[in-house]
PDB file of all heavy atoms in Angstrom:
ATOM      1  N   GLU A   1      89.876 100.037  91.456  1.00  0.00           N
ATOM      2  CA  GLU A   1      90.126 100.735  90.192  1.00  0.00           C
ATOM      3  C   GLU A   1      89.330 100.123  89.045  1.00  0.00           C
ATOM      4  O   GLU A   1      88.961 100.820  88.094  1.00  0.00           O
ATOM      5  CB  GLU A   1      91.616 100.723  89.885  1.00  0.00           C
ATOM      6  CG  GLU A   1      92.431 101.610  90.829  1.00  0.00           C
ATOM      7  CD  GLU A   1      93.930 101.444  90.656  1.00  0.00           C
ATOM      8  OE1 GLU A   1      94.341 100.544  89.885  1.00  0.00           O
ATOM      9  OE2 GLU A   1      94.685 102.209  91.290  1.00  0.00           O
ATOM     10  N   ASP A   2      89.062  98.829  89.142  1.00  0.00           N
ATOM     11  CA  ASP A   2      88.265  98.157  88.115  1.00  0.00           C
ATOM     12  C   ASP A   2      86.768  98.251  88.385  1.00  0.00           C
ATOM     13  O   ASP A   2      85.961  97.688  87.627  1.00  0.00           O
ATOM     14  CB  ASP A   2      88.663  96.676  88.027  1.00  0.00           C
ATOM     15  CG  ASP A   2      90.028  96.472  87.395  1.00  0.00           C
ATOM     16  OD1 ASP A   2      90.546  97.431  86.779  1.00  0.00           O
ATOM     17  OD2 ASP A   2      90.581  95.361  87.517  1.00  0.00           O
ATOM     18  N   GLY A   3      86.396  98.917  89.474  1.00  0.00           N
ATOM     19  CA  GLY A   3      84.990  99.022  89.823  1.00  0.00           C
ATOM     20  C   GLY A   3      84.396  97.731  90.343  1.00  0.00           C
ATOM     21  O   GLY A   3      83.171  97.544  90.336  1.00  0.00           O
ATOM     22  N   ALA A   4      85.251  96.825  90.826  1.00  0.00           N
ATOM     23  CA  ALA A   4      84.793  95.506  91.253  1.00  0.00           C
ATOM     24  C   ALA A   4      84.608  95.372  92.754  1.00  0.00           C
ATOM     25  O   ALA A   4      84.050  94.374  93.222  1.00  0.00           O
ATOM     26  CB  ALA A   4      85.776  94.438  90.768  1.00  0.00           C
ATOM     27  N   LEU A   5      85.080  96.347  93.536  1.00  0.00           N
ATOM     28  CA  LEU A   5      84.952  96.282  94.995  1.00  0.00           C
ATOM     29  C   LEU A   5      83.631  96.924  95.377  1.00  0.00           C
ATOM     30  O   LEU A   5      83.469  98.142  95.294  1.00  0.00           O
ATOM     31  CB  LEU A   5      86.133  96.996  95.665  1.00  0.00           C
ATOM     32  CG  LEU A   5      86.203  96.940  97.199  1.00  0.00           C
ATOM     33  CD1 LEU A   5      86.166  95.512  97.706  1.00  0.00           C
ATOM     34  CD2 LEU A   5      87.447  97.660  97.697  1.00  0.00           C
ATOM     35  N   ARG A   6      82.706  96.100  95.854  1.00  0.00           N
ATOM     36  CA  ARG A   6      81.315  96.533  95.971  1.00  0.00           C
ATOM     37  C   ARG A   6      80.902  96.918  97.385  1.00  0.00           C
ATOM     38  O   ARG A   6      79.741  97.253  97.619  1.00  0.00           O
ATOM     39  CB  ARG A   6      80.391  95.450  95.430  1.00  0.00           C
ATOM     40  CG  ARG A   6      80.530  95.238  93.921  1.00  0.00           C
ATOM     41  CD  ARG A   6      79.661  94.096  93.445  1.00  0.00           C
ATOM     42  NE  ARG A   6      78.290  94.236  93.943  1.00  0.00           N
ATOM     43  CZ  ARG A   6      77.442  93.216  94.076  1.00  0.00           C
ATOM     44  NH1 ARG A   6      77.849  91.986  93.785  1.00  0.00           N
ATOM     45  NH2 ARG A   6      76.221  93.410  94.518  1.00  0.00           N
ATOM     46  N   TYR A   7      81.808  96.869  98.345  1.00  0.00           N
ATOM     47  CA  TYR A   7      81.489  97.419  99.662  1.00  0.00           C
ATOM     48  C   TYR A   7      82.731  98.119 100.213  1.00  0.00           C
ATOM     49  O   TYR A   7      83.850  97.891  99.739  1.00  0.00           O
ATOM     50  CB  TYR A   7      80.933  96.360 100.622  1.00  0.00           C
ATOM     51  CG  TYR A   7      81.831  95.213 101.005  1.00  0.00           C
ATOM     52  CD1 TYR A   7      82.796  95.342 102.003  1.00  0.00           C
ATOM     53  CD2 TYR A   7      81.684  93.958 100.421  1.00  0.00           C
ATOM     54  CE1 TYR A   7      83.598  94.277 102.404  1.00  0.00           C
ATOM     55  CE2 TYR A   7      82.468  92.879 100.809  1.00  0.00           C
ATOM     56  CZ  TYR A   7      83.424  93.046 101.799  1.00  0.00           C
ATOM     57  OH  TYR A   7      84.201  91.989 102.190  1.00  0.00           O
ATOM     58  N   PRO A   8      82.562  99.010 101.198  1.00  0.00           N
ATOM     59  CA  PRO A   8      83.702  99.794 101.683  1.00  0.00           C
ATOM     60  C   PRO A   8      84.671  98.962 102.503  1.00  0.00           C
ATOM     61  O   PRO A   8      84.260  98.132 103.322  1.00  0.00           O
ATOM     62  CB  PRO A   8      83.048 100.875 102.548  1.00  0.00           C
ATOM     63  CG  PRO A   8      81.735 100.300 102.962  1.00  0.00           C
ATOM     64  CD  PRO A   8      81.294  99.428 101.829  1.00  0.00           C
ATOM     65  N   VAL A   9      85.960  99.181 102.274  1.00  0.00           N
ATOM     66  CA  VAL A   9      87.003  98.493 103.027  1.00  0.00           C
ATOM     67  C   VAL A   9      88.055  99.513 103.437  1.00  0.00           C
ATOM     68  O   VAL A   9      88.525 100.300 102.616  1.00  0.00           O
ATOM     69  CB  VAL A   9      87.667  97.363 102.205  1.00  0.00           C
ATOM     70  CG1 VAL A   9      88.752  96.675 103.035  1.00  0.00           C
ATOM     71  CG2 VAL A   9      86.639  96.353 101.722  1.00  0.00           C
ATOM     72  N   PHE A  10      88.426  99.503 104.714  1.00  0.00           N
ATOM     73  CA  PHE A  10      89.498 100.372 105.202  1.00  0.00           C
ATOM     74  C   PHE A  10      90.857  99.744 104.912  1.00  0.00           C
ATOM     75  O   PHE A  10      91.085  98.561 105.199  1.00  0.00           O
ATOM     76  CB  PHE A  10      89.370 100.596 106.710  1.00  0.00           C
ATOM     77  CG  PHE A  10      88.333 101.612 107.100  1.00  0.00           C
ATOM     78  CD1 PHE A  10      87.356 101.292 108.039  1.00  0.00           C
ATOM     79  CD2 PHE A  10      88.335 102.878 106.549  1.00  0.00           C
ATOM     80  CE1 PHE A  10      86.405 102.217 108.411  1.00  0.00           C
ATOM     81  CE2 PHE A  10      87.380 103.817 106.909  1.00  0.00           C
ATOM     82  CZ  PHE A  10      86.408 103.484 107.838  1.00  0.00           C
ATOM     83  N   ALA A  11      91.757 100.544 104.371  1.00  0.00           N
ATOM     84  CA  ALA A  11      93.132 100.108 104.109  1.00  0.00           C
ATOM     85  C   ALA A  11      93.945 100.292 105.384  1.00  0.00           C
ATOM     86  O   ALA A  11      94.733 101.235 105.522  1.00  0.00           O
ATOM     87  CB  ALA A  11      93.734 100.906 102.958  1.00  0.00           C
ATOM     88  N   VAL A  12      93.764  99.377 106.326  1.00  0.00           N
ATOM     89  CA  VAL A  12      94.443  99.480 107.613  1.00  0.00           C
ATOM     90  C   VAL A  12      95.958  99.519 107.433  1.00  0.00           C
ATOM     91  O   VAL A  12      96.676 100.236 108.133  1.00  0.00           O
ATOM     92  CB  VAL A  12      94.019  98.320 108.538  1.00  0.00           C
ATOM     93  CG1 VAL A  12      94.881  98.272 109.797  1.00  0.00           C
ATOM     94  CG2 VAL A  12      92.544  98.451 108.909  1.00  0.00           C
ATOM     95  N   ASN A  13      96.447  98.763 106.463  1.00  0.00           N
ATOM     96  CA  ASN A  13      97.890  98.708 106.234  1.00  0.00           C
ATOM     97  C   ASN A  13      98.512 100.074 105.978  1.00  0.00           C
ATOM     98  O   ASN A  13      99.689 100.283 106.273  1.00  0.00           O
ATOM     99  CB  ASN A  13      98.198  97.788 105.050  1.00  0.00           C
ATOM    100  CG  ASN A  13      99.678  97.735 104.738  1.00  0.00           C
ATOM    101  OD1 ASN A  13     100.435  97.039 105.404  1.00  0.00           O
ATOM    102  ND2 ASN A  13     100.109  98.485 103.727  1.00  0.00           N
ATOM    103  N   ASP A  14      97.729 100.998 105.428  1.00  0.00           N
ATOM    104  CA  ASP A  14      98.300 102.262 104.970  1.00  0.00           C
ATOM    105  C   ASP A  14      98.348 103.342 106.042  1.00  0.00           C
ATOM    106  O   ASP A  14      98.812 104.454 105.779  1.00  0.00           O
ATOM    107  CB  ASP A  14      97.514 102.778 103.762  1.00  0.00           C
ATOM    108  CG  ASP A  14      97.720 101.906 102.535  1.00  0.00           C
ATOM    109  OD1 ASP A  14      98.510 100.943 102.614  1.00  0.00           O
ATOM    110  OD2 ASP A  14      97.085 102.169 101.494  1.00  0.00           O
ATOM    111  N   THR A  15      97.859 103.072 107.234  1.00  0.00           N
ATOM    112  CA  THR A  15      97.896 104.088 108.279  1.00  0.00           C
ATOM    113  C   THR A  15      99.311 104.228 108.844  1.00  0.00           C
ATOM    114  O   THR A  15     100.083 103.266 108.841  1.00  0.00           O
ATOM    115  CB  THR A  15      96.960 103.723 109.451  1.00  0.00           C
ATOM    116  OG1 THR A  15      97.501 102.604 110.149  1.00  0.00           O
ATOM    117  CG2 THR A  15      95.563 103.403 108.957  1.00  0.00           C
ATOM    118  N   PRO A  16      99.669 105.404 109.358  1.00  0.00           N
ATOM    119  CA  PRO A  16     100.979 105.557 110.002  1.00  0.00           C
ATOM    120  C   PRO A  16     101.210 104.561 111.135  1.00  0.00           C
ATOM    121  O   PRO A  16     102.311 104.028 111.285  1.00  0.00           O
ATOM    122  CB  PRO A  16     100.957 106.997 110.514  1.00  0.00           C
ATOM    123  CG  PRO A  16     100.040 107.709 109.573  1.00  0.00           C
ATOM    124  CD  PRO A  16      98.975 106.703 109.229  1.00  0.00           C
ATOM    125  N   MET A  17     100.185 104.290 111.952  1.00  0.00           N
ATOM    126  CA  MET A  17     100.361 103.365 113.071  1.00  0.00           C
ATOM    127  C   MET A  17     100.636 101.935 112.606  1.00  0.00           C
ATOM    128  O   MET A  17     101.148 101.116 113.357  1.00  0.00           O
ATOM    129  CB  MET A  17      99.130 103.387 113.976  1.00  0.00           C
ATOM    130  CG  MET A  17      99.076 104.596 114.903  1.00  0.00           C
ATOM    131  SD  MET A  17     100.470 104.655 116.067  1.00  0.00           S
ATOM    132  CE  MET A  17     100.018 103.343 117.198  1.00  0.00           C
ATOM    133  N   LYS A  18     100.282 101.616 111.379  1.00  0.00           N
ATOM    134  CA  LYS A  18     100.602 100.297 110.816  1.00  0.00           C
ATOM    135  C   LYS A  18     101.945 100.335 110.094  1.00  0.00           C
ATOM    136  O   LYS A  18     102.843  99.547 110.367  1.00  0.00           O
ATOM    137  CB  LYS A  18      99.483  99.870 109.862  1.00  0.00           C
ATOM    138  CG  LYS A  18      99.757  98.575 109.092  1.00  0.00           C
ATOM    139  CD  LYS A  18      99.713  97.367 109.984  1.00  0.00           C
ATOM    140  CE  LYS A  18      99.564  96.074 109.198  1.00  0.00           C
ATOM    141  NZ  LYS A  18     100.646  95.792 108.265  1.00  0.00           N
ATOM    142  N   ARG A  19     102.098 101.262 109.175  1.00  0.00           N
ATOM    143  CA  ARG A  19     103.296 101.285 108.329  1.00  0.00           C
ATOM    144  C   ARG A  19     104.566 101.563 109.125  1.00  0.00           C
ATOM    145  O   ARG A  19     105.597 100.926 108.915  1.00  0.00           O
ATOM    146  CB  ARG A  19     103.153 102.350 107.236  1.00  0.00           C
ATOM    147  CG  ARG A  19     102.135 102.016 106.155  1.00  0.00           C
ATOM    148  CD  ARG A  19     102.170 103.047 105.046  1.00  0.00           C
ATOM    149  NE  ARG A  19     101.796 104.378 105.520  1.00  0.00           N
ATOM    150  CZ  ARG A  19     102.647 105.363 105.779  1.00  0.00           C
ATOM    151  NH1 ARG A  19     103.948 105.171 105.636  1.00  0.00           N
ATOM    152  NH2 ARG A  19     102.211 106.531 106.183  1.00  0.00           N
ATOM    153  N   LEU A  20     104.502 102.520 110.046  1.00  0.00           N
ATOM    154  CA  LEU A  20     105.712 102.955 110.746  1.00  0.00           C
ATOM    155  C   LEU A  20     106.200 101.930 111.764  1.00  0.00           C
ATOM    156  O   LEU A  20     107.378 101.937 112.137  1.00  0.00           O
ATOM    157  CB  LEU A  20     105.463 104.292 111.451  1.00  0.00           C
ATOM    158  CG  LEU A  20     105.156 105.483 110.532  1.00  0.00           C
ATOM    159  CD1 LEU A  20     104.872 106.723 111.371  1.00  0.00           C
ATOM    160  CD2 LEU A  20     106.289 105.748 109.559  1.00  0.00           C
ATOM    161  N   PHE A  21     105.328 101.052 112.208  1.00  0.00           N
ATOM    162  CA  PHE A  21     105.696 100.139 113.283  1.00  0.00           C
ATOM    163  C   PHE A  21     105.579  98.678 112.858  1.00  0.00           C
ATOM    164  O   PHE A  21     106.554  97.935 112.897  1.00  0.00           O
ATOM    165  CB  PHE A  21     104.836 100.422 114.515  1.00  0.00           C
ATOM    166  CG  PHE A  21     104.916 101.849 114.954  1.00  0.00           C
ATOM    167  CD1 PHE A  21     103.920 102.756 114.661  1.00  0.00           C
ATOM    168  CD2 PHE A  21     106.043 102.305 115.630  1.00  0.00           C
ATOM    169  CE1 PHE A  21     104.014 104.085 115.049  1.00  0.00           C
ATOM    170  CE2 PHE A  21     106.153 103.627 116.025  1.00  0.00           C
ATOM    171  CZ  PHE A  21     105.136 104.521 115.734  1.00  0.00           C
ATOM    172  N   ASP A  22     104.400  98.257 112.442  1.00  0.00           N
ATOM    173  CA  ASP A  22     104.200  96.868 112.034  1.00  0.00           C
ATOM    174  C   ASP A  22     105.098  96.525 110.852  1.00  0.00           C
ATOM    175  O   ASP A  22     105.843  95.542 110.875  1.00  0.00           O
ATOM    176  CB  ASP A  22     102.721  96.681 111.674  1.00  0.00           C
ATOM    177  CG  ASP A  22     102.367  95.247 111.326  1.00  0.00           C
ATOM    178  OD1 ASP A  22     103.047  94.662 110.456  1.00  0.00           O
ATOM    179  OD2 ASP A  22     101.389  94.715 111.869  1.00  0.00           O
ATOM    180  N   ASN A  23     105.054  97.325 109.799  1.00  0.00           N
ATOM    181  CA  ASN A  23     105.802  96.993 108.592  1.00  0.00           C
ATOM    182  C   ASN A  23     107.303  97.136 108.795  1.00  0.00           C
ATOM    183  O   ASN A  23     108.082  96.270 108.374  1.00  0.00           O
ATOM    184  CB  ASN A  23     105.340  97.880 107.437  1.00  0.00           C
ATOM    185  CG  ASN A  23     103.922  97.563 106.992  1.00  0.00           C
ATOM    186  OD1 ASN A  23     103.321  96.608 107.457  1.00  0.00           O
ATOM    187  ND2 ASN A  23     103.389  98.363 106.099  1.00  0.00           N
ATOM    188  N   VAL A  24     107.725  98.222 109.425  1.00  0.00           N
ATOM    189  CA  VAL A  24     109.162  98.463 109.574  1.00  0.00           C
ATOM    190  C   VAL A  24     109.732  97.607 110.704  1.00  0.00           C
ATOM    191  O   VAL A  24     110.597  96.754 110.488  1.00  0.00           O
ATOM    192  CB  VAL A  24     109.442  99.954 109.835  1.00  0.00           C
ATOM    193  CG1 VAL A  24     110.921 100.182 110.094  1.00  0.00           C
ATOM    194  CG2 VAL A  24     108.994 100.791 108.621  1.00  0.00           C
ATOM    195  N   HIS A  25     109.254  97.819 111.913  1.00  0.00           N
ATOM    196  CA  HIS A  25     109.830  97.115 113.063  1.00  0.00           C
ATOM    197  C   HIS A  25     109.322  95.678 113.166  1.00  0.00           C
ATOM    198  O   HIS A  25     110.090  94.759 113.465  1.00  0.00           O
ATOM    199  CB  HIS A  25     109.532  97.882 114.346  1.00  0.00           C
ATOM    200  CG  HIS A  25     110.202  99.219 114.400  1.00  0.00           C
ATOM    201  ND1 HIS A  25     111.538  99.363 114.663  1.00  0.00           N
ATOM    202  CD2 HIS A  25     109.717 100.472 114.185  1.00  0.00           C
ATOM    203  CE1 HIS A  25     111.862 100.645 114.629  1.00  0.00           C
ATOM    204  NE2 HIS A  25     110.775 101.337 114.341  1.00  0.00           N
ATOM    205  N   GLY A  26     108.027  95.477 112.916  1.00  0.00           N
ATOM    206  CA  GLY A  26     107.476  94.135 113.038  1.00  0.00           C
ATOM    207  C   GLY A  26     108.074  93.170 112.034  1.00  0.00           C
ATOM    208  O   GLY A  26     108.617  92.122 112.397  1.00  0.00           O
ATOM    209  N   THR A  27     107.986  93.511 110.752  1.00  0.00           N
ATOM    210  CA  THR A  27     108.523  92.624 109.726  1.00  0.00           C
ATOM    211  C   THR A  27     110.033  92.510 109.843  1.00  0.00           C
ATOM    212  O   THR A  27     110.595  91.412 109.722  1.00  0.00           O
ATOM    213  CB  THR A  27     108.134  93.117 108.325  1.00  0.00           C
ATOM    214  OG1 THR A  27     106.707  93.176 108.215  1.00  0.00           O
ATOM    215  CG2 THR A  27     108.678  92.198 107.242  1.00  0.00           C
ATOM    216  N   GLY A  28     110.701  93.633 110.071  1.00  0.00           N
ATOM    217  CA  GLY A  28     112.154  93.595 110.189  1.00  0.00           C
ATOM    218  C   GLY A  28     112.618  92.679 111.297  1.00  0.00           C
ATOM    219  O   GLY A  28     113.472  91.806 111.097  1.00  0.00           O
ATOM    220  N   GLU A  29     112.060  92.852 112.495  1.00  0.00           N
ATOM    221  CA  GLU A  29     112.479  92.043 113.629  1.00  0.00           C
ATOM    222  C   GLU A  29     112.062  90.581 113.477  1.00  0.00           C
ATOM    223  O   GLU A  29     112.865  89.663 113.692  1.00  0.00           O
ATOM    224  CB  GLU A  29     111.896  92.611 114.923  1.00  0.00           C
ATOM    225  CG  GLU A  29     112.515  93.936 115.345  1.00  0.00           C
ATOM    226  CD  GLU A  29     111.999  94.411 116.693  1.00  0.00           C
ATOM    227  OE1 GLU A  29     111.496  93.567 117.468  1.00  0.00           O
ATOM    228  OE2 GLU A  29     112.090  95.617 116.956  1.00  0.00           O
TER     229      GLU A  29
END
């Protein structure tokens, strides 16, 4: 947002396969 990220990065955390399982079940357990 500040225009400071100068190369492309994938937000892996935001995918359904990450959020629905890693964040919910992984962190919870």
